[in-house]
C-alpha atoms as a PDB file:
ATOM      1  CA  MET A   1    -117.988 247.678-169.754  1.00  0.00           C
ATOM      2  CA  LYS A   2    -117.911 244.233-168.120  1.00  0.00           C
ATOM      3  CA  ILE A   3    -120.905 242.229-166.483  1.00  0.00           C
ATOM      4  CA  ASN A   4    -119.766 239.390-163.489  1.00  0.00           C
ATOM      5  CA  TRP A   5    -123.316 237.565-163.354  1.00  0.00           C
ATOM      6  CA  LYS A   6    -123.910 235.985-159.773  1.00  0.00           C
ATOM      7  CA  SER A   7    -126.394 233.506-160.588  1.00  0.00           C
ATOM      8  CA  THR A   8    -126.707 229.837-159.295  1.00  0.00           C
ATOM      9  CA  GLY A   9    -129.578 228.964-161.772  1.00  0.00           C
ATOM     10  CA  LYS A  10    -129.456 227.869-165.099  1.00  0.00           C
ATOM     11  CA  ILE A  11    -130.627 229.631-167.928  1.00  0.00           C
ATOM     12  CA  ASN A  12    -133.606 228.470-169.567  1.00  0.00           C
ATOM     13  CA  GLN A  13    -135.959 229.822-171.821  1.00  0.00           C
ATOM     14  CA  GLN A  14    -138.013 231.256-169.468  1.00  0.00           C
ATOM     15  CA  ASN A  15    -135.478 233.432-167.704  1.00  0.00           C
ATOM     16  CA  SER A  16    -132.961 234.194-170.666  1.00  0.00           C
ATOM     17  CA  LEU A  17    -135.255 237.301-171.900  1.00  0.00           C
ATOM     18  CA  HIS A  18    -135.467 238.657-168.366  1.00  0.00           C
ATOM     19  CA  LEU A  19    -131.345 238.793-168.538  1.00  0.00           C
ATOM     20  CA  LEU A  20    -131.257 239.960-171.600  1.00  0.00           C
ATOM     21  CA  ASN A  21    -133.315 242.606-170.599  1.00  0.00           C
ATOM     22  CA  LEU A  22    -131.156 243.062-167.195  1.00  0.00           C
ATOM     23  CA  GLU A  23    -128.339 243.555-168.989  1.00  0.00           C
ATOM     24  CA  TYR A  24    -129.345 246.076-171.530  1.00  0.00           C
ATOM     25  CA  ALA A  25    -131.250 247.974-168.441  1.00  0.00           C
ATOM     26  CA  VAL A  26    -127.992 247.794-166.678  1.00  0.00           C
ATOM     27  CA  GLU A  27    -125.885 249.215-169.864  1.00  0.00           C
ATOM     28  CA  LEU A  28    -128.704 251.713-170.597  1.00  0.00           C
ATOM     29  CA  GLN A  29    -128.491 253.093-167.003  1.00  0.00           C
ATOM     30  CA  VAL A  30    -124.481 253.243-166.697  1.00  0.00           C
ATOM     31  CA  ILE A  31    -125.080 255.268-170.066  1.00  0.00           C
ATOM     32  CA  LEU A  32    -127.560 257.578-168.778  1.00  0.00           C
ATOM     33  CA  ILE A  33    -125.573 257.993-165.481  1.00  0.00           C
ATOM     34  CA  LEU A  34    -122.629 259.359-167.419  1.00  0.00           C
ATOM     35  CA  ILE A  35    -124.270 261.435-169.639  1.00  0.00           C
ATOM     36  CA  ARG A  36    -125.474 263.330-166.665  1.00  0.00           C
ATOM     37  CA  GLU A  37    -123.071 263.202-164.212  1.00  0.00           C
ATOM     38  CA  ALA A  38    -119.730 262.702-166.255  1.00  0.00           C
ATOM     39  CA  GLU A  39    -120.190 262.868-169.977  1.00  0.00           C
ATOM     40  CA  HIS A  40    -116.454 263.635-170.291  1.00  0.00           C
ATOM     41  CA  LEU A  41    -115.654 259.720-168.838  1.00  0.00           C
ATOM     42  CA  MET A  42    -118.063 258.115-171.424  1.00  0.00           C
ATOM     43  CA  GLU A  43    -114.468 256.766-173.236  1.00  0.00           C
ATOM     44  CA  TYR A  44    -113.857 255.094-169.875  1.00  0.00           C
ATOM     45  CA  ARG A  45    -116.941 252.911-169.820  1.00  0.00           C
ATOM     46  CA  SER A  46    -114.962 249.723-170.800  1.00  0.00           C
ATOM     47  CA  LEU A  47    -113.142 250.384-167.159  1.00  0.00           C
ATOM     48  CA  ILE A  48    -116.538 249.902-165.466  1.00  0.00           C
ATOM     49  CA  THR A  49    -117.265 246.106-163.930  1.00  0.00           C
ATOM     50  CA  VAL A  50    -120.879 245.560-162.818  1.00  0.00           C
ATOM     51  CA  GLU A  51    -122.193 242.622-160.372  1.00  0.00           C
ATOM     52  CA  VAL A  52    -125.536 241.644-161.049  1.00  0.00           C
ATOM     53  CA  ASP A  53    -127.445 238.934-159.003  1.00  0.00           C
ATOM     54  CA  PRO A  54    -130.431 237.983-160.781  1.00  0.00           C
ATOM     55  CA  ASP A  55    -131.320 235.587-158.252  1.00  0.00           C
ATOM     56  CA  GLY A  56    -131.366 237.939-155.308  1.00  0.00           C
ATOM     57  CA  GLY A  57    -132.099 241.296-157.415  1.00  0.00           C
ATOM     58  CA  GLN A  58    -128.719 243.202-156.752  1.00  0.00           C
ATOM     59  CA  VAL A  59    -126.923 245.294-159.137  1.00  0.00           C
ATOM     60  CA  SER A  60    -123.800 246.902-157.763  1.00  0.00           C
ATOM     61  CA  ILE A  61    -120.372 248.348-159.172  1.00  0.00           C
ATOM     62  CA  ASP A  62    -117.321 246.339-158.204  1.00  0.00           C
ATOM     63  CA  SER A  63    -114.735 247.555-156.471  1.00  0.00           C
ATOM     64  CA  GLU A  64    -112.529 247.100-159.636  1.00  0.00           C
ATOM     65  CA  THR A  65    -114.003 250.021-161.235  1.00  0.00           C
ATOM     66  CA  PRO A  66    -111.441 252.990-160.781  1.00  0.00           C
ATOM     67  CA  GLU A  67    -112.014 255.948-159.210  1.00  0.00           C
ATOM     68  CA  PRO A  68    -114.459 258.508-159.985  1.00  0.00           C
ATOM     69  CA  LEU A  69    -116.451 256.347-162.008  1.00  0.00           C
ATOM     70  CA  TYR A  70    -117.065 253.734-159.022  1.00  0.00           C
ATOM     71  CA  SER A  71    -118.244 256.980-156.855  1.00  0.00           C
ATOM     72  CA  ILE A  72    -120.084 258.403-159.495  1.00  0.00           C
ATOM     73  CA  LEU A  73    -122.188 255.344-160.638  1.00  0.00           C
ATOM     74  CA  GLU A  74    -122.396 253.832-157.170  1.00  0.00           C
ATOM     75  CA  ARG A  75    -124.222 257.129-155.969  1.00  0.00           C
ATOM     76  CA  ASN A  76    -126.761 256.869-159.040  1.00  0.00           C
ATOM     77  CA  PHE A  77    -127.559 253.218-158.534  1.00  0.00           C
ATOM     78  CA  HIS A  78    -129.676 253.306-155.624  1.00  0.00           C
ATOM     79  CA  GLY A  79    -133.424 251.891-156.409  1.00  0.00           C
ATOM     80  CA  PHE A  80    -131.998 250.593-159.555  1.00  0.00           C
ATOM     81  CA  ASP A  81    -133.627 247.046-159.230  1.00  0.00           C
ATOM     82  CA  SER A  82    -137.270 247.960-158.470  1.00  0.00           C
ATOM     83  CA  LYS A  83    -137.245 250.326-161.519  1.00  0.00           C
ATOM     84  CA  VAL A  84    -136.178 247.310-163.824  1.00  0.00           C
ATOM     85  CA  GLU A  85    -138.482 244.987-162.396  1.00  0.00           C
ATOM     86  CA  LYS A  86    -141.402 246.995-162.487  1.00  0.00           C
ATOM     87  CA  SER A  87    -140.527 248.242-165.856  1.00  0.00           C
ATOM     88  CA  LEU A  88    -141.001 244.459-167.343  1.00  0.00           C
ATOM     89  CA  SER A  89    -144.607 243.291-167.341  1.00  0.00           C
ATOM     90  CA  PRO A  90    -144.683 239.524-166.552  1.00  0.00           C
ATOM     91  CA  HIS A  91    -145.009 239.089-170.157  1.00  0.00           C
ATOM     92  CA  GLU A  92    -141.788 240.612-171.199  1.00  0.00           C
ATOM     93  CA  ARG A  93    -140.004 238.520-168.146  1.00  0.00           C
ATOM     94  CA  THR A  94    -141.110 235.331-170.172  1.00  0.00           C
ATOM     95  CA  VAL A  95    -141.883 235.553-174.131  1.00  0.00           C
ATOM     96  CA  LYS A  96    -138.975 234.412-176.300  1.00  0.00           C
ATOM     97  CA  PRO A  97    -137.204 237.089-178.054  1.00  0.00           C
ATOM     98  CA  SER A  98    -137.798 237.926-181.813  1.00  0.00           C
ATOM     99  CA  PHE A  99    -135.767 239.897-184.304  1.00  0.00           C
ATOM    100  CA  ALA A 100    -138.702 242.202-184.442  1.00  0.00           C
ATOM    101  CA  SER A 101    -138.694 242.910-180.724  1.00  0.00           C
ATOM    102  CA  ILE A 102    -135.046 243.740-180.667  1.00  0.00           C
END
């Protein structure tokens, strides 16, 4: 899976953990959708491209993702952004990661 980051801001210590958590959440969401909707397509996960705009809070499936992967993922990504933001506490958004937390 490929993630295209569409951020205009610089990566710093405060937002690096947030971006790492967001990347993990996006990958996990893709895997869960594929397991639930089309497990037989898991081996094609490398063909999926996701666009993430952390500044605007947008996550979308890129149009270069082939069908039927595009339709399956696009249909199931609604409301993803708010779920990710609500699942992270303010502490998780700003604390520097450690090996113990990974």
